[in-house]
N, C-alpha and C. Protein backbone atom coordinates (compact mmCIF):
# COMPACT_ATOMS: atom_id res chain seq x y z
N UNK A 1 128.98 74.34 110.05
CA UNK A 1 129.44 73.21 110.82
C UNK A 1 130.87 72.82 110.46
N UNK A 2 131.24 72.85 109.19
CA UNK A 2 132.58 72.44 108.79
C UNK A 2 133.62 73.41 109.31
N UNK A 3 133.28 74.69 109.40
CA UNK A 3 134.22 75.69 109.89
C UNK A 3 134.52 75.49 111.37
N UNK A 4 133.57 74.93 112.10
CA UNK A 4 133.79 74.69 113.52
C UNK A 4 134.74 73.51 113.74
N UNK A 5 134.75 72.55 112.83
CA UNK A 5 135.58 71.36 112.98
C UNK A 5 137.03 71.60 112.58
N UNK A 6 137.25 72.49 111.65
CA UNK A 6 138.60 72.72 111.15
C UNK A 6 139.16 73.97 111.81
N UNK A 7 140.24 73.83 112.59
CA UNK A 7 140.83 75.01 113.24
C UNK A 7 141.49 75.92 112.20
N UNK A 8 141.37 77.21 112.43
CA UNK A 8 142.00 78.18 111.55
C UNK A 8 141.14 78.58 110.37
N UNK A 9 140.03 77.90 110.15
CA UNK A 9 139.13 78.23 109.05
C UNK A 9 138.08 79.20 109.57
N UNK A 10 138.11 80.40 109.06
CA UNK A 10 137.19 81.41 109.54
C UNK A 10 136.07 81.60 108.53
N UNK A 11 134.96 82.03 109.05
CA UNK A 11 133.83 82.34 108.14
C UNK A 11 134.10 83.69 107.51
N UNK A 12 134.00 83.75 106.21
CA UNK A 12 134.20 84.99 105.49
C UNK A 12 132.95 85.28 104.68
N UNK A 13 132.68 86.56 104.53
CA UNK A 13 131.52 86.96 103.76
C UNK A 13 131.85 86.76 102.28
N UNK A 14 130.99 86.07 101.60
CA UNK A 14 131.19 85.80 100.18
C UNK A 14 130.41 86.84 99.39
N UNK A 15 131.12 87.54 98.51
CA UNK A 15 130.47 88.54 97.69
C UNK A 15 129.85 87.86 96.48
N UNK A 16 128.65 88.26 96.14
CA UNK A 16 127.99 87.70 94.98
C UNK A 16 128.46 88.43 93.73
N UNK A 17 128.48 87.71 92.65
CA UNK A 17 128.91 88.32 91.39
C UNK A 17 127.76 89.15 90.82
N UNK A 18 128.07 89.94 89.83
CA UNK A 18 127.08 90.80 89.22
C UNK A 18 125.99 89.95 88.55
N UNK A 19 124.74 90.33 88.77
CA UNK A 19 123.63 89.58 88.22
C UNK A 19 122.90 90.36 87.13
N UNK A 20 123.59 91.26 86.49
CA UNK A 20 122.96 92.03 85.43
C UNK A 20 123.69 91.74 84.11
N UNK A 21 122.95 91.76 83.00
CA UNK A 21 123.52 91.30 81.74
C UNK A 21 124.44 92.29 81.02
N UNK A 22 124.23 93.59 81.18
CA UNK A 22 125.01 94.58 80.44
C UNK A 22 125.64 95.55 81.43
N UNK A 23 126.96 95.72 81.40
CA UNK A 23 127.62 96.60 82.39
C UNK A 23 127.59 98.08 82.02
N UNK A 24 126.40 98.64 81.86
CA UNK A 24 126.22 100.06 81.62
C UNK A 24 125.31 100.62 82.71
N UNK A 25 125.36 101.91 82.97
CA UNK A 25 124.45 102.48 83.98
C UNK A 25 123.00 102.30 83.55
N UNK A 26 122.12 102.13 84.53
CA UNK A 26 120.71 101.86 84.22
C UNK A 26 120.03 102.99 83.43
N UNK A 27 120.36 104.27 83.64
CA UNK A 27 119.73 105.30 82.80
C UNK A 27 120.10 105.18 81.33
N UNK A 28 121.31 104.74 81.03
CA UNK A 28 121.72 104.55 79.64
C UNK A 28 120.93 103.41 79.00
N UNK A 29 120.77 102.33 79.76
CA UNK A 29 120.00 101.20 79.26
C UNK A 29 118.54 101.58 79.04
N UNK A 30 117.97 102.30 79.99
CA UNK A 30 116.58 102.69 79.87
C UNK A 30 116.37 103.67 78.73
N UNK A 31 117.28 104.61 78.57
CA UNK A 31 117.19 105.56 77.46
C UNK A 31 117.29 104.86 76.11
N UNK A 32 118.19 103.90 76.01
CA UNK A 32 118.34 103.14 74.77
C UNK A 32 117.08 102.33 74.47
N UNK A 33 116.48 101.77 75.51
CA UNK A 33 115.24 101.01 75.34
C UNK A 33 114.12 101.93 74.84
N UNK A 34 114.07 103.13 75.36
CA UNK A 34 113.03 104.07 74.93
C UNK A 34 113.20 104.47 73.48
N UNK A 35 114.44 104.78 73.08
CA UNK A 35 114.70 105.18 71.70
C UNK A 35 114.38 104.04 70.74
N UNK A 36 114.81 102.82 71.08
CA UNK A 36 114.51 101.67 70.23
C UNK A 36 113.02 101.38 70.17
N UNK A 37 112.33 101.54 71.28
CA UNK A 37 110.89 101.32 71.30
C UNK A 37 110.16 102.30 70.41
N UNK A 38 110.53 103.56 70.49
CA UNK A 38 109.90 104.59 69.66
C UNK A 38 110.19 104.32 68.18
N UNK A 39 111.42 103.99 67.86
CA UNK A 39 111.78 103.71 66.46
C UNK A 39 111.04 102.47 65.95
N UNK A 40 110.92 101.46 66.78
CA UNK A 40 110.25 100.22 66.36
C UNK A 40 108.77 100.45 66.11
N UNK A 41 108.11 101.13 67.04
CA UNK A 41 106.68 101.40 66.88
C UNK A 41 106.44 102.31 65.68
N UNK A 42 107.31 103.29 65.48
CA UNK A 42 107.20 104.15 64.30
C UNK A 42 107.35 103.36 63.02
N UNK A 43 108.26 102.40 63.01
CA UNK A 43 108.46 101.56 61.83
C UNK A 43 107.24 100.67 61.58
N UNK A 44 106.66 100.16 62.65
CA UNK A 44 105.45 99.33 62.49
C UNK A 44 104.31 100.18 61.94
N UNK A 45 104.15 101.39 62.46
CA UNK A 45 103.11 102.28 61.91
C UNK A 45 103.37 102.59 60.44
N UNK A 46 104.63 102.80 60.10
CA UNK A 46 104.97 103.11 58.72
C UNK A 46 104.70 101.92 57.80
N UNK A 47 104.95 100.72 58.29
CA UNK A 47 104.70 99.52 57.48
C UNK A 47 103.21 99.25 57.30
N UNK A 48 102.42 99.59 58.30
CA UNK A 48 100.98 99.33 58.20
C UNK A 48 100.22 100.48 57.56
N UNK A 49 100.89 101.57 57.26
CA UNK A 49 100.24 102.72 56.64
C UNK A 49 99.94 102.48 55.17
N UNK A 50 99.26 103.44 54.57
CA UNK A 50 98.87 103.31 53.17
C UNK A 50 100.00 103.68 52.21
N UNK A 51 100.90 104.54 52.63
CA UNK A 51 102.01 104.95 51.77
C UNK A 51 103.20 104.01 51.95
N UNK A 52 104.11 104.07 50.98
CA UNK A 52 105.33 103.26 51.07
C UNK A 52 106.23 103.84 52.17
N UNK A 53 106.97 102.97 52.88
CA UNK A 53 107.87 103.47 53.93
C UNK A 53 108.90 104.43 53.37
N UNK A 54 109.26 105.43 54.16
CA UNK A 54 110.17 106.48 53.73
C UNK A 54 111.56 105.93 53.38
N UNK A 55 112.06 104.98 54.17
CA UNK A 55 113.40 104.43 53.93
C UNK A 55 113.37 103.11 53.19
N UNK A 56 112.24 102.72 52.67
CA UNK A 56 112.12 101.45 51.98
C UNK A 56 111.59 100.37 52.90
N UNK A 57 111.11 99.29 52.29
CA UNK A 57 110.47 98.23 53.07
C UNK A 57 111.48 97.46 53.93
N UNK A 58 112.60 97.05 53.34
CA UNK A 58 113.55 96.18 54.06
C UNK A 58 114.18 96.89 55.27
N UNK A 59 114.71 98.10 55.15
CA UNK A 59 115.27 98.74 56.35
C UNK A 59 114.22 99.01 57.43
N UNK A 60 113.02 99.41 57.00
CA UNK A 60 111.97 99.68 57.97
C UNK A 60 111.55 98.40 58.68
N UNK A 61 111.45 97.31 57.93
CA UNK A 61 111.11 96.02 58.54
C UNK A 61 112.21 95.55 59.47
N UNK A 62 113.46 95.77 59.10
CA UNK A 62 114.59 95.37 59.96
C UNK A 62 114.57 96.15 61.27
N UNK A 63 114.28 97.43 61.20
CA UNK A 63 114.19 98.24 62.42
C UNK A 63 113.08 97.72 63.32
N UNK A 64 111.94 97.37 62.73
CA UNK A 64 110.81 96.88 63.52
C UNK A 64 111.11 95.52 64.13
N UNK A 65 111.69 94.62 63.34
CA UNK A 65 111.92 93.24 63.81
C UNK A 65 113.06 93.17 64.81
N UNK A 66 114.11 93.92 64.61
CA UNK A 66 115.25 93.88 65.52
C UNK A 66 115.04 94.83 66.70
N UNK A 67 114.42 95.96 66.46
CA UNK A 67 114.28 96.98 67.49
C UNK A 67 113.35 96.62 68.62
N UNK A 68 112.22 95.99 68.33
CA UNK A 68 111.26 95.69 69.38
C UNK A 68 111.78 94.67 70.40
N UNK A 69 112.34 93.53 69.98
CA UNK A 69 112.90 92.62 70.98
C UNK A 69 114.11 93.24 71.73
N UNK A 70 114.91 94.02 71.01
CA UNK A 70 116.05 94.68 71.65
C UNK A 70 115.57 95.68 72.69
N UNK A 71 114.50 96.38 72.39
CA UNK A 71 113.91 97.33 73.32
C UNK A 71 113.48 96.62 74.60
N UNK A 72 112.79 95.51 74.45
CA UNK A 72 112.32 94.76 75.62
C UNK A 72 113.49 94.21 76.43
N UNK A 73 114.52 93.72 75.75
CA UNK A 73 115.70 93.20 76.44
C UNK A 73 116.43 94.31 77.20
N UNK A 74 116.61 95.46 76.58
CA UNK A 74 117.28 96.57 77.25
C UNK A 74 116.46 97.09 78.43
N UNK A 75 115.15 97.08 78.30
CA UNK A 75 114.29 97.49 79.41
C UNK A 75 114.47 96.53 80.59
N UNK A 76 114.47 95.23 80.31
CA UNK A 76 114.68 94.22 81.34
C UNK A 76 116.07 94.37 81.97
N UNK A 77 117.09 94.60 81.13
CA UNK A 77 118.45 94.77 81.64
C UNK A 77 118.55 96.02 82.51
N UNK A 78 117.83 97.08 82.15
CA UNK A 78 117.88 98.30 82.96
C UNK A 78 117.25 98.08 84.33
N UNK A 79 116.20 97.26 84.39
CA UNK A 79 115.58 96.95 85.68
C UNK A 79 116.55 96.16 86.56
N UNK A 80 117.19 95.14 85.98
CA UNK A 80 118.15 94.34 86.74
C UNK A 80 119.32 95.19 87.22
N UNK A 81 119.82 96.05 86.35
CA UNK A 81 120.95 96.91 86.71
C UNK A 81 120.55 97.91 87.79
N UNK A 82 119.35 98.47 87.69
CA UNK A 82 118.89 99.41 88.71
C UNK A 82 118.75 98.73 90.07
N UNK A 83 118.27 97.50 90.08
CA UNK A 83 118.17 96.76 91.33
C UNK A 83 119.56 96.51 91.92
N UNK A 84 120.52 96.14 91.07
CA UNK A 84 121.88 95.89 91.54
C UNK A 84 122.50 97.18 92.07
N UNK A 85 122.28 98.30 91.38
CA UNK A 85 122.82 99.58 91.84
C UNK A 85 122.20 99.98 93.18
N UNK A 86 120.91 99.74 93.34
CA UNK A 86 120.24 100.07 94.58
C UNK A 86 120.78 99.23 95.74
N UNK A 87 120.96 97.95 95.49
CA UNK A 87 121.51 97.08 96.53
C UNK A 87 122.92 97.51 96.92
N UNK A 88 123.72 97.89 95.93
CA UNK A 88 125.09 98.33 96.21
C UNK A 88 125.09 99.63 97.01
N UNK A 89 124.21 100.57 96.65
CA UNK A 89 124.10 101.81 97.40
C UNK A 89 123.63 101.56 98.83
N UNK A 90 122.66 100.67 98.99
CA UNK A 90 122.18 100.35 100.33
C UNK A 90 123.28 99.73 101.18
N UNK A 91 124.08 98.87 100.55
CA UNK A 91 125.17 98.21 101.28
C UNK A 91 126.20 99.24 101.74
N UNK A 92 126.56 100.19 100.85
CA UNK A 92 127.52 101.23 101.22
C UNK A 92 126.95 102.14 102.30
N UNK A 93 125.67 102.43 102.23
CA UNK A 93 125.03 103.30 103.23
C UNK A 93 125.02 102.62 104.58
N UNK A 94 124.71 101.35 104.61
CA UNK A 94 124.63 100.63 105.89
C UNK A 94 126.01 100.40 106.50
N UNK A 95 127.06 100.39 105.71
CA UNK A 95 128.41 100.25 106.27
C UNK A 95 128.81 101.48 107.04
N UNK A 96 128.30 102.62 106.68
CA UNK A 96 128.63 103.88 107.37
C UNK A 96 127.93 104.03 108.69
N UNK A 97 126.99 103.18 109.00
CA UNK A 97 126.23 103.30 110.25
C UNK A 97 126.77 102.44 111.32
């Protein structure tokens, strides 16, 4: 309505800003999440086992405590990034038609 009242003001398409947390390709994020997840679960198994952890208690515990939440965050970031990449590809494809 405001654009109709003011002469010379044209409607322009507003581009949305990026809605993903980490500016890396989604396969890199997903691969990092997988590696961290495997390392974290391995560390948890090592901590709950009967033998002492191979790299010591503190480093193994640090890998488990830091790696598991980081794995989940990177997995979530890879999903958001993949959705953004898909939307961008769809937009470019539809412009060619």
